[in-house]
Protein backbone atom coordinates (compact mmCIF):
# COMPACT_ATOMS: atom_id res chain seq x y z
CA MET A 1 0.00 0.00 0.00
CA SER A 2 1.24 3.50 -0.79
CA ASP A 3 2.29 5.85 2.00
CA ILE A 4 -0.53 7.81 3.61
CA ASN A 5 -0.22 11.53 2.99
CA LEU A 6 -2.50 13.84 4.98
CA ASN A 7 -0.71 17.07 4.17
CA SER A 8 -3.88 18.65 2.78
CA LEU A 9 -5.83 20.19 5.64
CA LYS A 10 -8.36 21.37 3.08
CA SER A 11 -9.35 17.79 2.19
CA LEU A 12 -9.89 16.99 5.86
CA LEU A 13 -12.06 20.09 6.33
CA ILE A 14 -14.11 19.09 3.28
CA PHE A 15 -14.53 15.60 4.75
CA LYS A 16 -15.58 17.08 8.13
CA THR A 17 -18.28 19.23 6.54
CA LEU A 18 -19.41 16.33 4.33
CA TYR A 19 -19.69 14.09 7.39
CA GLU A 20 -21.81 16.71 9.16
CA THR A 21 -24.11 17.56 6.23
CA GLY A 22 -24.38 14.15 4.56
CA THR A 23 -24.56 15.60 1.03
CA ALA A 24 -22.04 16.94 -1.45
CA THR A 25 -24.49 19.63 -2.54
CA ARG A 26 -24.82 21.22 0.88
CA THR A 27 -21.10 20.78 1.59
CA ALA A 28 -20.27 22.63 -1.62
CA ARG A 29 -22.68 25.43 -0.72
CA ASP A 30 -21.37 25.74 2.86
CA LEU A 31 -17.72 25.82 1.76
CA GLY A 32 -18.23 27.90 -1.38
CA ILE A 33 -16.75 25.30 -3.74
CA THR A 34 -18.18 23.19 -6.54
CA GLN A 35 -19.99 19.90 -5.96
CA SER A 36 -17.55 18.15 -8.27
CA GLY A 37 -14.71 19.54 -6.18
CA VAL A 38 -16.26 17.97 -3.06
CA SER A 39 -16.67 14.59 -4.79
CA ARG A 40 -13.13 14.72 -6.17
CA SER A 41 -11.68 15.60 -2.75
CA LEU A 42 -13.53 12.70 -1.09
CA ALA A 43 -12.41 10.25 -3.75
CA GLN A 44 -8.80 11.35 -3.39
CA LEU A 45 -9.00 11.09 0.41
CA GLU A 46 -10.45 7.57 0.27
CA GLU A 47 -7.84 6.50 -2.27
CA ASN A 48 -5.09 8.06 -0.21
CA ILE A 49 -5.98 6.34 3.07
CA GLY A 50 -6.99 3.10 1.33
CA ILE A 51 -10.46 2.66 2.88
CA PRO A 52 -14.00 3.76 1.96
CA LEU A 53 -15.57 6.31 4.28
CA PHE A 54 -19.16 6.51 3.05
CA MET A 55 -21.78 4.23 1.60
CA ARG A 56 -23.70 5.88 -1.26
CA HIS A 57 -27.49 5.62 -0.95
CA LYS A 58 -29.55 7.55 -3.48
CA LYS A 59 -28.43 11.18 -3.08
CA ARG A 60 -27.12 10.81 0.46
CA LEU A 61 -23.87 9.56 1.92
CA ILE A 62 -24.06 7.15 4.87
CA ALA A 63 -21.01 7.42 7.12
CA LEU A 64 -19.20 4.13 7.75
CA PRO A 65 -17.58 3.34 11.13
CA GLU A 66 -14.22 4.33 9.63
CA ALA A 67 -15.65 7.78 8.91
CA ASP A 68 -16.80 8.08 12.53
CA GLU A 69 -13.25 7.35 13.71
CA LEU A 70 -11.67 9.79 11.27
CA TYR A 71 -14.17 12.50 12.20
CA GLY A 72 -13.22 12.19 15.87
CA GLU A 73 -9.53 12.43 15.01
CA ILE A 74 -10.16 15.55 12.92
CA LEU A 75 -12.02 17.22 15.80
CA GLY A 76 -8.98 16.56 18.00
CA LEU A 77 -6.68 17.95 15.32
CA LEU A 78 -8.74 21.12 14.95
CA SER A 79 -8.72 21.58 18.74
CA ASN A 80 -4.92 21.35 18.74
CA LEU A 81 -4.75 23.81 15.85
CA GLU A 82 -6.98 26.20 17.82
CA ASN A 83 -4.62 25.95 20.80
CA MET A 84 -1.68 26.62 18.52
CA LYS A 85 -3.47 29.66 17.09
CA HIS A 86 -3.98 31.06 20.59
CA SER A 87 -0.29 30.50 21.35
CA ILE A 88 0.73 32.33 18.17
CA VAL A 89 -1.64 35.21 18.95
CA SER A 90 -0.19 35.37 22.47
CA LEU A 91 3.34 35.44 21.10
CA ARG A 92 2.40 38.22 18.70
CA GLU A 93 0.40 40.32 21.15
CA PHE A 94 2.17 39.74 24.45
CA GLY A 95 5.68 38.81 23.42
CA ALA A 96 5.43 35.49 25.28
CA SER A 97 3.48 32.28 24.93
CA ARG A 98 0.96 31.29 27.57
CA ILE A 99 1.70 28.76 30.26
CA ARG A 100 -1.10 26.34 31.14
CA ILE A 101 -1.22 25.34 34.82
CA ALA A 102 -3.29 22.59 36.42
CA SER A 103 -3.51 22.36 40.20
CA ALA A 104 -4.85 20.01 42.83
CA PRO A 105 -7.52 21.74 44.96
CA ALA A 106 -5.31 21.88 48.06
CA LEU A 107 -3.05 24.45 46.36
CA GLY A 108 -5.31 25.76 43.63
CA PHE A 109 -7.54 28.16 45.52
CA ALA A 110 -4.90 30.46 47.05
CA TYR A 111 -1.31 29.18 46.91
CA VAL A 112 -1.08 28.83 43.12
CA PRO A 113 -2.99 32.09 42.48
CA LYS A 114 -0.45 33.86 44.73
CA THR A 115 2.32 32.35 42.59
CA ILE A 116 0.63 33.54 39.40
CA ALA A 117 0.16 37.02 40.84
CA ARG A 118 3.88 37.22 41.65
CA ILE A 119 4.78 36.13 38.10
CA LEU A 120 2.48 38.68 36.49
CA SER A 121 3.60 41.52 38.76
CA ASP A 122 7.04 41.32 37.17
CA ASN A 123 6.00 39.91 33.78
CA PRO A 124 2.61 41.40 32.87
CA LYS A 125 2.88 40.23 29.25
CA TYR A 126 2.67 36.54 30.15
CA SER A 127 -0.58 34.77 29.37
CA ILE A 128 -1.56 32.16 31.97
CA TYR A 129 -4.35 29.58 32.04
CA LEU A 130 -5.27 27.89 35.35
CA ASP A 131 -7.61 24.99 36.08
CA ILE A 132 -8.25 22.99 39.25
CA MET A 133 -8.74 19.21 39.30
CA PRO A 134 -7.84 16.15 41.40
CA SER A 135 -4.13 15.22 41.45
CA PRO A 136 -4.49 12.06 39.28
CA GLU A 137 -6.25 14.15 36.62
CA VAL A 138 -3.51 16.80 36.84
CA VAL A 139 -0.88 14.14 36.11
CA ARG A 140 -2.83 12.72 33.15
CA ALA A 141 -3.51 16.19 31.74
CA VAL A 142 0.18 17.19 31.88
CA GLU A 143 1.22 13.83 30.41
CA ALA A 144 -1.23 14.34 27.53
CA GLY A 145 0.06 17.85 26.87
CA TYR A 146 -3.18 19.64 27.76
CA PHE A 147 -1.27 21.50 30.50
CA ASP A 148 2.38 22.50 30.74
CA VAL A 149 2.82 22.10 34.50
CA GLY A 150 0.81 20.77 37.40
CA PHE A 151 0.74 21.24 41.17
CA VAL A 152 -0.03 17.86 42.74
CA THR A 153 -0.27 15.96 45.99
CA LEU A 154 2.66 13.56 46.25
CA PRO A 155 3.48 10.81 45.65
CA VAL A 156 2.68 10.51 41.94
CA THR A 157 3.80 7.90 39.44
CA SER A 158 4.72 8.88 35.89
CA GLN A 159 7.21 7.58 33.37
CA VAL A 160 7.27 10.80 31.34
CA LEU A 161 7.09 13.63 33.88
CA ALA A 162 9.70 15.30 36.04
CA VAL A 163 8.56 15.60 39.66
CA ASP A 164 9.91 18.29 42.02
CA GLU A 165 8.85 18.25 45.67
CA LEU A 166 7.86 21.73 46.82
CA ILE A 167 6.24 21.42 50.24
CA SER A 168 6.20 18.98 53.14
CA THR A 169 3.92 19.70 56.08
CA GLU A 170 1.68 18.13 58.71
CA ALA A 171 -2.10 17.96 58.82
CA VAL A 172 -3.98 20.23 61.23
CA CYS A 173 -7.43 20.02 62.79
CA LEU A 174 -9.96 22.62 61.67
CA MET A 175 -13.05 23.30 63.80
CA PRO A 176 -15.62 26.01 64.56
CA LYS A 177 -14.61 28.53 67.25
CA ASN A 178 -17.47 27.42 69.49
CA HIS A 179 -16.60 23.71 69.31
CA SER A 180 -16.30 21.64 72.49
CA LEU A 181 -12.61 21.00 71.69
CA ALA A 182 -11.84 24.68 71.11
CA LYS A 183 -9.81 25.03 74.35
CA ALA A 184 -7.57 22.02 73.67
CA ARG A 185 -3.99 22.92 72.77
CA VAL A 186 -3.45 19.82 70.62
CA ILE A 187 -6.08 17.49 69.15
CA THR A 188 -5.40 13.75 69.26
CA THR A 189 -7.17 10.77 67.76
CA GLU A 190 -8.67 10.03 71.19
CA ASP A 191 -10.38 13.44 71.03
CA LEU A 192 -12.19 12.36 67.86
CA LYS A 193 -14.28 9.77 69.70
CA GLY A 194 -17.94 10.61 69.17
CA GLN A 195 -17.10 13.48 66.79
CA HIS A 196 -18.55 13.97 63.32
CA LEU A 197 -15.78 14.20 60.71
CA VAL A 198 -15.80 16.10 57.43
CA ILE A 199 -13.46 14.42 54.93
CA PRO A 200 -12.54 14.82 51.25
CA ASN A 201 -14.61 12.89 48.73
CA GLN A 202 -11.46 12.34 46.66
CA PRO A 203 -8.50 10.10 47.59
CA ASN A 204 -6.59 11.85 50.37
CA LEU A 205 -3.53 10.37 52.08
CA ALA A 206 -4.01 12.07 55.45
CA ALA A 207 -7.74 11.31 55.62
CA ASP A 208 -7.16 7.70 54.59
CA GLN A 209 -4.42 7.32 57.21
CA LEU A 210 -6.65 8.89 59.86
CA LEU A 211 -9.59 6.57 59.19
CA LEU A 212 -7.27 3.56 59.25
CA HIS A 213 -5.71 4.75 62.50
CA LEU A 214 -9.15 5.23 64.10
CA SER A 215 -10.12 1.72 63.05
CA GLU A 216 -6.93 0.22 64.45
CA LYS A 217 -7.44 2.05 67.77
CA ASN A 218 -11.12 1.06 67.81
CA ILE A 219 -12.13 4.72 68.14
CA ARG A 220 -15.72 5.21 67.03
CA ILE A 221 -16.74 8.50 65.45
CA ALA A 222 -20.33 9.77 65.31
CA GLY A 223 -20.35 9.84 61.52
CA LYS A 224 -18.74 11.48 58.52
CA THR A 225 -19.63 13.86 55.73
CA GLU A 226 -17.70 13.62 52.47
CA ALA A 227 -17.28 16.72 50.32
CA ASN A 228 -15.14 18.48 47.78
CA ILE A 229 -12.20 20.17 49.48
CA ALA A 230 -13.56 23.56 48.39
CA ALA A 231 -16.68 22.93 50.54
CA ILE A 232 -15.05 21.25 53.55
CA CYS A 233 -14.09 24.47 55.37
CA SER A 234 -17.56 25.94 54.85
CA LEU A 235 -19.15 22.76 56.22
CA VAL A 236 -16.91 22.95 59.28
CA ALA A 237 -17.70 26.65 59.81
CA ASN A 238 -21.41 25.81 59.70
CA GLY A 239 -21.04 23.27 62.50
CA VAL A 240 -21.30 20.07 60.46
CA GLY A 241 -18.18 18.61 62.09
CA ILE A 242 -14.40 18.93 62.33
CA THR A 243 -11.79 17.96 59.78
CA LEU A 244 -8.17 16.97 59.39
CA ILE A 245 -6.75 19.02 56.55
CA ASN A 246 -3.52 20.33 55.08
CA PRO A 247 -2.51 23.60 56.78
CA ILE A 248 -2.20 25.57 53.54
CA THR A 249 -5.89 25.13 52.77
CA ALA A 250 -6.82 25.60 56.43
CA TYR A 251 -5.03 28.95 56.80
CA ASP A 252 -6.20 30.17 53.39
CA HIS A 253 -9.81 29.70 54.49
CA GLN A 254 -9.29 30.95 58.04
CA ALA A 255 -7.84 34.19 56.69
CA ALA A 256 -11.15 34.88 54.94
CA ARG A 257 -13.35 34.31 58.01
CA ASP A 258 -13.25 34.61 61.81
CA ASP A 259 -15.35 31.58 62.82
CA LEU A 260 -12.70 28.86 62.43
CA LEU A 261 -9.96 27.54 64.70
CA ILE A 262 -6.83 25.64 63.64
CA LYS A 263 -5.24 23.20 66.08
CA PRO A 264 -2.13 20.99 65.83
CA PHE A 265 -2.93 17.30 65.51
CA LYS A 266 -1.11 14.26 66.89
CA PRO A 267 0.01 11.79 65.71
CA ALA A 268 1.37 13.55 62.65
CA PHE A 269 -0.13 12.86 59.24
CA HIS A 270 1.99 14.27 56.46
CA TYR A 271 1.17 16.09 53.25
CA ARG A 272 3.65 16.50 50.42
CA PHE A 273 3.07 18.67 47.37
CA GLY A 274 5.06 18.95 44.17
CA LEU A 275 5.36 20.29 40.65
CA VAL A 276 5.11 18.01 37.60
CA TYR A 277 6.05 18.81 34.01
CA LYS A 278 7.40 17.14 30.90
CA GLN A 279 11.05 16.18 31.31
CA LYS A 280 11.96 18.16 28.18
CA TRP A 281 10.77 21.27 30.04
CA ALA A 282 13.38 20.85 32.78
CA ASN A 283 15.45 23.79 31.57
CA ASN A 284 12.55 25.86 30.24
CA ARG A 285 12.66 29.48 31.39
CA LEU A 286 8.98 29.45 32.35
CA ILE A 287 9.48 26.47 34.67
CA GLY A 288 12.44 28.24 36.24
CA LEU A 289 10.38 31.41 36.67
CA LEU A 290 7.50 29.44 38.18
CA LYS A 291 9.77 27.82 40.78
CA GLU A 292 11.36 31.17 41.56
CA MET A 293 7.99 32.80 42.19
CA ILE A 294 6.53 30.09 44.44
CA PRO A 295 5.90 31.81 47.79
CA ALA A 296 7.59 30.55 50.94
CA LEU A 297 5.31 29.05 53.54
CA PRO A 298 4.54 31.40 56.45
CA ASP A 299 5.91 30.56 59.89
CA HIS A 300 2.48 29.72 61.31
CA LEU A 301 2.33 26.56 59.20
CA GLY A 302 4.66 24.95 61.71
CA LYS A 303 8.28 23.98 62.13
CA ASN A 304 7.81 20.78 60.12
CA ALA A 305 6.65 22.64 57.03
CA HIS A 306 9.28 23.51 54.49
CA THR A 307 9.76 24.64 50.94
CA PRO A 308 12.91 24.06 48.85
CA GLU A 309 15.78 26.46 49.27
């Protein structure tokens, strides 16, 4: 079989419109070309790839399964071309390409935005795109090239990404100010007996370790409410229960309201956060700038919290 040559984007666009309209007549009208030109383009495409794409029935074309597959691939190609167009426009208008950042919720609501603000304060021409999603989705999105870098909860496993640890810290207990444990200096697992817990509805190392520890110690809680991390602090503030949470999220939410208390928790349950990106980006100037602009953790996060030097 001859080599497949898909250099002609025009033929793929004609196929896409033909697939959507089902007739050469309407395709020709929509694209402003002749009907014979549509038919000739389809014939050349089918000959080029070596498979039929449509079954002819009266004056209509019935898409074969192969056409369905090709149509999906073309939609993906056009999406990539659209992204490339935005990058080119950004280069032309701002003098720099955009950087696409994905973040786990623990860092995405305040810590990463602070980083972005620091970048843009010195480099206002950069174009940045931020989205928040669970850590496993962040890894997959960066691996697939949909995002350039990702802030994740460690550990992560990837054969294609570089992983830099950024933060190591210990979980804290978050509770309403009027809670029965509000006067305790340190909260322990024994204190959780009979308490209602608010926990993440996504995989969470500290929460999983806590529940296992409670089971091993035969400590019975009153119940639990599972929620997205963005809602956990609000649930706690409204008296639903108390939670064990990473201190970055805890202090970010406490700073915005005066009805929450943060207490140390023993035994220690650790959180580690990191940055993931394609290995070929290791020496990229944007990655270097991103690391440089990551804010240091404030002292109130505890002596066991640290960021890289």
